[in-house]
Amino acid sequence: MAINYYIGDRLTGLSTDPKPTGLVGWIFDELDTGLSYIHDGTEWVRKHGKDSWRFIKPTMDNQTLSLFKNDRVFVDVSQYRVNLTLPLNPELGDVVVISDYKLNSSNNNITVYRNSNNILSQADDLSIDLSGATVELIYSDSTVGWMIVQR
């Protein structure tokens, strides 16, 4: 069995998946972060330990970036607001943790797009507007959707 690789500078923040898209089992390695992702047939999923974190710093106001299953991110909104899109096909127990790294989300909000799944049984996006907040979301089911574990 061959292992297929795609190596590049960044997967995070791209508006479309890097080539090759839609191929189950392809691996993407980010050269600058050392993070690896595997394509599950519909999306790129991070391959890392549960305690790995990454940094997100938007390069323009209201930039939209994708979160991955079991993602843990420090978000720097010291200059710009950011929109983070939750994974499209979460499964029971998937976790996403978002932390306001520079303590500035009361000035530049972090908006979490629900990506067609509920958040606390509501079809509404989540706004993080408390400076220094850390929000842990865990996926339960299609009715409740993402639950907030801690703030």
Protein backbone atom coordinates (compact mmCIF):
# COMPACT_ATOMS: atom_id res chain seq x y z
CA MET A 1 0.00 0.00 0.00
CA ALA A 2 1.40 3.38 -1.02
CA ILE A 3 1.26 6.40 1.26
CA ASN A 4 0.46 9.61 -0.59
CA TYR A 5 1.80 12.91 0.70
CA TYR A 6 1.11 16.55 -0.01
CA ILE A 7 3.67 18.90 1.51
CA GLY A 8 3.15 22.65 1.73
CA ASP A 9 3.45 25.75 3.84
CA ARG A 10 -0.05 26.00 5.29
CA LEU A 11 -3.30 24.09 5.27
CA THR A 12 -4.92 26.40 7.81
CA GLY A 13 -6.70 29.38 6.32
CA LEU A 14 -6.93 28.11 2.77
CA SER A 15 -10.34 28.63 1.26
CA THR A 16 -10.15 25.25 -0.46
CA ASP A 17 -8.35 22.03 0.36
CA PRO A 18 -4.87 21.79 -1.13
CA LYS A 19 -4.41 19.31 -3.95
CA PRO A 20 -5.18 16.46 -3.90
CA THR A 21 -8.74 16.84 -2.68
CA GLY A 22 -11.20 14.12 -1.85
CA LEU A 23 -8.68 11.31 -1.69
CA VAL A 24 -9.05 9.15 1.41
CA GLY A 25 -5.77 8.58 3.18
CA TRP A 26 -3.72 11.39 1.66
CA ILE A 27 -1.45 13.06 4.22
CA PHE A 28 -0.64 16.78 4.32
CA ASP A 29 2.40 18.01 6.27
CA GLU A 30 2.79 21.70 7.12
CA LEU A 31 6.44 22.54 6.79
CA ASP A 32 6.44 25.55 9.13
CA THR A 33 4.38 24.07 11.98
CA GLY A 34 5.21 20.38 11.77
CA LEU A 35 1.52 19.53 11.96
CA SER A 36 0.11 16.66 9.89
CA TYR A 37 -3.37 16.12 8.51
CA ILE A 38 -5.01 13.13 6.86
CA HIS A 39 -7.88 13.38 4.36
CA ASP A 40 -10.88 11.29 5.42
CA GLY A 41 -12.64 11.60 2.06
CA THR A 42 -14.50 14.81 2.83
CA GLU A 43 -12.13 16.98 4.85
CA TRP A 44 -8.63 17.27 6.29
CA VAL A 45 -8.38 15.95 9.87
CA ARG A 46 -5.45 16.81 12.14
CA LYS A 47 -3.18 13.96 13.12
CA HIS A 48 -1.73 14.91 16.47
CA GLY A 49 -1.89 14.19 20.14
CA LYS A 50 -4.79 15.49 22.17
CA ASP A 51 -2.61 18.05 23.92
CA SER A 52 -1.18 19.72 20.79
CA TRP A 53 -2.05 23.37 20.25
CA ARG A 54 -1.58 25.71 17.30
CA PHE A 55 -1.68 29.49 16.86
CA ILE A 56 -4.13 31.39 14.67
CA LYS A 57 -3.55 35.05 13.81
CA PRO A 58 -5.85 36.57 11.19
CA THR A 59 -4.11 38.62 8.51
CA MET A 60 -7.21 40.69 7.65
CA ASP A 61 -10.39 41.77 9.41
CA ASN A 62 -13.14 39.15 9.58
CA GLN A 63 -10.96 36.46 8.02
CA THR A 64 -12.64 33.05 8.04
CA LEU A 65 -10.53 30.04 8.97
CA SER A 66 -11.38 26.37 9.41
CA LEU A 67 -11.15 24.38 12.60
CA PHE A 68 -10.49 20.65 12.52
CA LYS A 69 -11.78 17.77 14.60
CA ASN A 70 -10.07 17.82 18.00
CA ASP A 71 -8.45 21.18 17.26
CA ARG A 72 -6.94 23.31 20.03
CA VAL A 73 -6.11 26.87 19.04
CA PHE A 74 -4.67 30.00 20.60
CA VAL A 75 -6.25 32.90 18.71
CA ASP A 76 -4.50 36.27 18.45
CA VAL A 77 -7.14 38.93 17.72
CA SER A 78 -4.97 41.84 18.79
CA GLN A 79 -5.35 43.42 15.33
CA TYR A 80 -8.34 41.81 13.59
CA ARG A 81 -11.60 40.00 14.26
CA VAL A 82 -11.73 36.40 13.08
CA ASN A 83 -14.37 33.85 12.10
CA LEU A 84 -13.66 30.20 12.90
CA THR A 85 -15.71 27.49 11.20
CA LEU A 86 -16.42 24.32 13.17
CA PRO A 87 -15.81 20.94 11.47
CA LEU A 88 -18.58 19.92 9.06
CA ASN A 89 -19.11 16.29 10.06
CA PRO A 90 -18.35 16.02 13.78
CA GLU A 91 -18.76 12.76 15.65
CA LEU A 92 -19.69 12.05 19.25
CA GLY A 93 -16.90 13.27 21.50
CA ASP A 94 -15.08 15.50 19.00
CA VAL A 95 -13.59 18.47 20.83
CA VAL A 96 -12.58 21.98 19.77
CA VAL A 97 -10.84 24.38 22.18
CA ILE A 98 -10.50 28.09 21.39
CA SER A 99 -8.44 30.41 23.58
CA ASP A 100 -8.15 34.21 23.29
CA TYR A 101 -4.36 34.26 23.39
CA LYS A 102 -3.76 38.05 23.46
CA LEU A 103 -6.73 38.82 25.76
CA ASN A 104 -8.44 41.05 23.21
CA SER A 105 -11.68 39.34 22.14
CA SER A 106 -13.79 42.02 23.85
CA ASN A 107 -12.46 44.45 21.21
CA ASN A 108 -12.04 42.06 18.27
CA ASN A 109 -14.57 39.27 18.64
CA ILE A 110 -13.97 35.65 17.73
CA THR A 111 -17.03 34.35 15.88
CA VAL A 112 -17.48 30.58 15.75
CA TYR A 113 -19.55 29.49 12.75
CA ARG A 114 -21.63 26.43 13.54
CA ASN A 115 -21.22 24.96 10.02
CA SER A 116 -24.82 23.60 9.91
CA ASN A 117 -24.62 21.93 13.34
CA ASN A 118 -26.36 23.28 16.42
CA ILE A 119 -24.54 24.89 19.31
CA LEU A 120 -26.39 24.24 22.60
CA SER A 121 -29.50 23.12 20.65
CA GLN A 122 -29.61 26.44 18.79
CA ALA A 123 -29.03 27.14 15.10
CA ASP A 124 -26.90 30.16 16.03
CA ASP A 125 -23.23 30.95 15.70
CA LEU A 126 -21.18 31.61 18.85
CA SER A 127 -19.49 34.92 19.60
CA ILE A 128 -16.54 34.95 21.98
CA ASP A 129 -16.36 38.51 23.28
CA LEU A 130 -14.83 38.11 26.75
CA SER A 131 -11.13 38.97 26.77
CA GLY A 132 -8.99 36.02 27.80
CA ALA A 133 -11.80 33.50 27.43
CA THR A 134 -11.11 29.87 26.65
CA VAL A 135 -14.06 27.93 25.26
CA GLU A 136 -14.11 24.16 24.98
CA LEU A 137 -16.80 22.69 22.74
CA ILE A 138 -17.62 18.99 22.62
CA TYR A 139 -19.93 17.46 20.02
CA SER A 140 -22.84 15.39 21.36
CA ASP A 141 -25.44 14.71 18.67
CA SER A 142 -27.46 16.33 15.89
CA THR A 143 -30.06 17.75 18.30
CA VAL A 144 -27.89 19.47 20.89
CA GLY A 145 -24.84 19.66 18.63
CA TRP A 146 -21.81 21.33 20.18
CA MET A 147 -21.91 21.73 23.96
CA ILE A 148 -19.84 24.31 25.81
CA VAL A 149 -17.81 22.46 28.41
CA GLN A 150 -15.96 25.43 29.87
CA ARG A 151 -15.55 29.16 29.34
